[in-house]
């Protein structure tokens, strides 16, 4: 659940927001969210000494909602 949002960058193509969210376990944290009027995809990577590892992540419900 989104608690607050702060616009970090407004660009011609994308906007970058820092959202304060409450996770399902009750903890609170910050997420950097790219906002784009069209489709977008992000593939996160985790650093690993044996090589980069792709990470599958589910988008928070509020991030998938349309404005």
Protein backbone atom coordinates (compact mmCIF):
# COMPACT_ATOMS: atom_id res chain seq x y z
CA UNK A 1 0.00 0.00 0.00
CA UNK A 2 1.36 3.41 -0.97
CA UNK A 3 1.77 5.82 1.96
CA UNK A 4 3.46 8.76 0.19
CA UNK A 5 5.06 9.67 -3.12
CA UNK A 6 7.77 12.22 -3.99
CA UNK A 7 8.61 13.19 -7.59
CA UNK A 8 12.40 12.95 -8.02
CA UNK A 9 12.59 13.65 -11.76
CA UNK A 10 10.15 14.85 -14.42
CA UNK A 11 11.31 14.13 -17.93
CA UNK A 12 9.96 14.29 -21.46
CA UNK A 13 9.49 10.53 -21.63
CA UNK A 14 9.49 9.24 -18.03
CA UNK A 15 9.00 10.45 -14.49
CA UNK A 16 10.81 8.99 -11.48
CA UNK A 17 9.06 8.87 -8.10
CA UNK A 18 10.24 7.69 -4.71
CA UNK A 19 7.28 5.99 -3.06
CA UNK A 20 6.98 5.16 0.62
CA UNK A 21 5.04 1.89 0.87
CA UNK A 22 3.78 -0.54 3.49
CA UNK A 23 4.63 -4.12 2.55
CA UNK A 24 2.29 -7.06 3.28
CA UNK A 25 4.34 -7.98 6.40
CA UNK A 26 3.66 -4.50 7.86
CA UNK A 27 7.15 -3.09 7.30
CA UNK A 28 7.63 0.28 5.59
CA UNK A 29 10.18 1.03 2.88
CA UNK A 30 10.99 3.11 -0.18
CA UNK A 31 10.67 2.05 -3.83
CA UNK A 32 11.87 4.01 -6.85
CA UNK A 33 9.12 3.84 -9.46
CA UNK A 34 9.45 4.77 -13.14
CA UNK A 35 6.21 6.25 -14.45
CA UNK A 36 5.61 6.12 -18.20
CA UNK A 37 2.42 6.83 -20.14
CA UNK A 38 2.93 3.72 -22.30
CA UNK A 39 4.23 0.23 -21.71
CA UNK A 40 7.48 -0.37 -19.85
CA UNK A 41 9.43 -3.34 -18.55
CA UNK A 42 12.20 -3.66 -15.99
CA UNK A 43 14.43 -6.69 -15.43
CA UNK A 44 16.16 -6.48 -12.04
CA UNK A 45 19.59 -8.04 -11.49
CA UNK A 46 21.20 -9.09 -8.22
CA UNK A 47 24.95 -9.04 -7.79
CA UNK A 48 26.46 -12.50 -7.22
CA UNK A 49 30.17 -13.48 -7.19
CA UNK A 50 29.33 -16.33 -9.60
CA UNK A 51 27.74 -13.92 -12.11
CA UNK A 52 24.63 -11.78 -12.45
CA UNK A 53 21.35 -13.38 -11.42
CA UNK A 54 18.00 -12.38 -12.90
CA UNK A 55 15.32 -11.80 -10.29
CA UNK A 56 11.59 -12.17 -10.95
CA UNK A 57 9.65 -9.51 -9.09
CA UNK A 58 5.94 -8.95 -8.83
CA UNK A 59 4.81 -5.36 -9.19
CA UNK A 60 2.94 -3.97 -6.16
CA UNK A 61 -0.82 -3.73 -6.75
CA UNK A 62 -0.83 0.07 -6.51
CA UNK A 63 1.93 0.32 -9.16
CA UNK A 64 -0.20 -1.60 -11.68
CA UNK A 65 -3.25 0.59 -11.15
CA UNK A 66 -4.04 3.10 -13.87
CA UNK A 67 -4.15 6.79 -13.02
